[in-house]
N, C-alpha and C. Protein backbone atom coordinates (compact mmCIF):
# COMPACT_ATOMS: atom_id res chain seq x y z
N MET A 1 195.48 -49.69 -84.78
CA MET A 1 196.37 -50.17 -86.03
C MET A 1 195.42 -50.39 -87.28
N LEU A 2 196.02 -49.72 -88.32
CA LEU A 2 195.16 -50.01 -89.55
C LEU A 2 196.08 -50.90 -90.46
N LEU A 3 195.26 -51.88 -90.87
CA LEU A 3 196.08 -53.00 -91.69
C LEU A 3 195.51 -53.00 -93.08
N VAL A 4 196.46 -52.86 -94.00
CA VAL A 4 196.01 -52.81 -95.46
C VAL A 4 196.81 -53.92 -96.33
N GLU A 5 196.33 -54.28 -97.42
CA GLU A 5 197.07 -55.29 -98.27
C GLU A 5 198.06 -54.37 -99.22
N ASP A 6 197.71 -53.33 -99.50
CA ASP A 6 198.34 -52.32 -100.41
C ASP A 6 198.53 -50.98 -99.98
N PHE A 7 199.63 -50.45 -99.79
CA PHE A 7 199.81 -49.08 -99.26
C PHE A 7 199.20 -48.09 -100.07
N ASN A 8 198.93 -48.29 -101.28
CA ASN A 8 198.35 -47.42 -102.34
C ASN A 8 196.81 -46.99 -101.82
N GLN A 9 196.38 -48.02 -101.00
CA GLN A 9 194.94 -47.89 -100.59
C GLN A 9 194.85 -46.64 -99.66
N ILE A 10 195.96 -46.37 -98.94
CA ILE A 10 195.91 -45.26 -98.04
C ILE A 10 196.93 -44.19 -98.27
N ALA A 11 197.71 -44.29 -99.29
CA ALA A 11 198.82 -43.33 -99.53
C ALA A 11 198.47 -42.01 -99.45
N LEU A 12 197.31 -41.52 -100.06
CA LEU A 12 196.92 -40.10 -100.06
C LEU A 12 196.57 -39.61 -98.61
N ASN A 13 196.22 -40.54 -97.81
CA ASN A 13 195.79 -40.06 -96.40
C ASN A 13 196.84 -40.67 -95.42
N ALA A 14 197.93 -41.23 -95.57
CA ALA A 14 198.91 -41.76 -94.64
C ALA A 14 199.35 -40.75 -93.65
N ASP A 15 199.74 -39.67 -94.08
CA ASP A 15 200.29 -38.62 -92.95
C ASP A 15 199.08 -38.13 -92.17
N ASP A 16 197.80 -38.07 -92.56
CA ASP A 16 196.86 -37.56 -91.62
C ASP A 16 196.44 -38.80 -90.71
N LEU A 17 196.54 -40.07 -91.20
CA LEU A 17 196.20 -41.12 -90.34
C LEU A 17 197.35 -41.24 -89.12
N ILE A 18 198.43 -41.14 -89.59
CA ILE A 18 199.66 -41.13 -88.59
C ILE A 18 199.59 -40.02 -87.61
N ALA A 19 199.18 -38.79 -88.16
CA ALA A 19 199.02 -37.60 -87.15
C ALA A 19 197.89 -37.83 -86.34
N ALA A 20 196.92 -38.52 -86.72
CA ALA A 20 195.71 -38.77 -85.90
C ALA A 20 195.89 -39.77 -84.80
N GLY A 21 197.17 -40.45 -84.93
CA GLY A 21 197.59 -41.51 -83.92
C GLY A 21 197.42 -42.99 -84.51
N TYR A 22 197.13 -43.14 -85.62
CA TYR A 22 196.99 -44.52 -86.14
C TYR A 22 198.28 -45.11 -86.46
N GLY A 23 198.30 -46.39 -86.29
CA GLY A 23 199.57 -46.97 -86.74
C GLY A 23 199.25 -47.60 -88.07
N VAL A 24 200.12 -47.84 -89.05
CA VAL A 24 199.89 -48.42 -90.33
C VAL A 24 200.81 -49.65 -90.64
N SER A 25 200.15 -50.73 -91.11
CA SER A 25 200.94 -51.90 -91.40
C SER A 25 200.38 -52.44 -92.62
N VAL A 26 201.28 -52.85 -93.54
CA VAL A 26 200.90 -53.43 -94.78
C VAL A 26 201.27 -54.77 -94.73
N LEU A 27 200.20 -55.73 -94.85
CA LEU A 27 200.30 -57.08 -94.75
C LEU A 27 199.93 -57.74 -96.06
N ASN A 28 200.78 -58.42 -96.54
CA ASN A 28 200.50 -59.04 -97.99
C ASN A 28 199.66 -60.25 -97.65
N GLY A 29 198.99 -60.71 -98.70
CA GLY A 29 198.00 -61.80 -98.51
C GLY A 29 198.70 -62.96 -97.72
N VAL A 30 197.90 -63.53 -96.88
CA VAL A 30 198.16 -64.61 -95.97
C VAL A 30 198.06 -65.97 -96.73
N ASP A 31 199.09 -66.74 -96.72
CA ASP A 31 199.09 -68.09 -97.32
C ASP A 31 198.52 -69.08 -96.32
N VAL A 32 197.23 -69.55 -96.60
CA VAL A 32 196.70 -70.42 -95.50
C VAL A 32 197.46 -71.67 -95.19
N ASP A 33 198.43 -72.03 -96.20
CA ASP A 33 199.15 -73.34 -96.05
C ASP A 33 200.48 -73.09 -95.27
N GLU A 34 200.79 -71.83 -95.00
CA GLU A 34 202.02 -71.52 -94.30
C GLU A 34 201.74 -71.84 -92.83
N PRO A 35 202.88 -72.49 -92.14
CA PRO A 35 202.65 -72.87 -90.96
C PRO A 35 202.68 -71.72 -89.87
N TYR A 36 201.84 -71.70 -88.79
CA TYR A 36 201.94 -70.86 -87.80
C TYR A 36 203.25 -70.77 -87.12
N ASP A 37 203.70 -69.56 -86.95
CA ASP A 37 205.05 -69.35 -86.15
C ASP A 37 204.82 -68.30 -85.12
N ARG A 38 204.53 -68.84 -83.89
CA ARG A 38 204.21 -68.03 -82.74
C ARG A 38 205.16 -66.92 -82.49
N ASP A 39 206.51 -67.25 -82.58
CA ASP A 39 207.43 -66.20 -82.46
C ASP A 39 207.38 -64.99 -83.36
N VAL A 40 207.02 -65.49 -84.62
CA VAL A 40 206.85 -64.31 -85.62
C VAL A 40 205.63 -63.33 -85.24
N ILE A 41 204.46 -63.97 -84.83
CA ILE A 41 203.38 -63.28 -84.51
C ILE A 41 203.62 -62.53 -83.28
N ILE A 42 204.42 -62.93 -82.27
CA ILE A 42 204.66 -62.16 -81.13
C ILE A 42 205.63 -60.98 -81.47
N GLU A 43 206.48 -61.16 -82.36
CA GLU A 43 207.44 -60.12 -82.82
C GLU A 43 206.55 -58.96 -83.53
N VAL A 44 205.69 -59.41 -84.31
CA VAL A 44 204.83 -58.34 -84.97
C VAL A 44 203.94 -57.60 -83.86
N LEU A 45 203.37 -58.27 -83.07
CA LEU A 45 202.49 -57.64 -81.99
C LEU A 45 203.25 -56.76 -81.10
N ALA A 46 204.63 -57.08 -80.84
CA ALA A 46 205.55 -56.32 -79.93
C ALA A 46 205.92 -55.03 -80.81
N ASP A 47 206.00 -55.24 -82.07
CA ASP A 47 206.48 -54.01 -83.08
C ASP A 47 205.37 -53.03 -83.04
N TRP A 48 204.02 -53.59 -82.91
CA TRP A 48 202.97 -52.66 -83.04
C TRP A 48 202.66 -51.83 -81.61
N GLY A 49 203.04 -52.62 -80.62
CA GLY A 49 203.08 -52.03 -79.19
C GLY A 49 201.63 -52.33 -78.60
N TRP A 50 201.62 -52.15 -77.23
CA TRP A 50 200.43 -52.43 -76.52
C TRP A 50 199.78 -51.12 -76.28
N SER A 51 198.48 -50.95 -76.47
CA SER A 51 197.76 -49.68 -76.26
C SER A 51 196.66 -49.89 -75.35
N GLY A 52 196.47 -51.05 -74.72
CA GLY A 52 195.41 -51.24 -73.74
C GLY A 52 195.79 -51.00 -72.47
N ASP A 53 195.04 -51.32 -71.48
CA ASP A 53 195.33 -51.14 -70.04
C ASP A 53 196.55 -51.91 -69.71
N LYS A 54 197.55 -51.22 -68.87
CA LYS A 54 198.90 -51.87 -68.52
C LYS A 54 198.63 -53.08 -67.82
N GLU A 55 197.53 -53.19 -67.11
CA GLU A 55 197.28 -54.46 -66.22
C GLU A 55 196.93 -55.67 -67.20
N LYS A 56 196.41 -55.40 -68.24
CA LYS A 56 195.85 -56.39 -69.07
C LYS A 56 196.99 -56.89 -70.21
N LYS A 57 198.17 -56.25 -70.23
CA LYS A 57 199.12 -56.63 -71.34
C LYS A 57 199.59 -58.00 -71.05
N PRO A 58 199.62 -58.91 -72.15
CA PRO A 58 200.01 -60.29 -71.83
C PRO A 58 201.37 -60.25 -71.38
N ILE A 59 201.77 -61.19 -70.37
CA ILE A 59 203.18 -61.45 -70.02
C ILE A 59 204.05 -61.80 -71.11
N TRP A 60 203.57 -62.45 -72.24
CA TRP A 60 204.44 -62.84 -73.28
C TRP A 60 204.86 -61.85 -74.18
N LEU A 61 204.02 -60.60 -74.10
CA LEU A 61 204.29 -59.60 -75.16
C LEU A 61 205.60 -58.71 -74.63
N LYS A 62 206.54 -58.80 -75.22
CA LYS A 62 207.91 -58.23 -74.88
C LYS A 62 207.80 -56.79 -75.39
N ASP A 63 208.49 -55.95 -74.65
CA ASP A 63 208.75 -54.56 -75.18
C ASP A 63 209.84 -54.45 -76.18
N LYS A 64 209.63 -53.65 -77.10
CA LYS A 64 210.64 -53.39 -78.10
C LYS A 64 211.73 -52.50 -77.70
């Protein structure tokens, strides 16, 4: 997964990155004062998908 703050950083190469098997996600700046929301984090991780060993996938990580 490639994380960027601005899609323009990778726009010229986005198709090549995706074709090479990378996922791309644009994350705007994180507000350190924003409370942690576990359900939101789990939803983001589920959206990205699990790419590791199936035996090591956390039980809390739901399939999309």
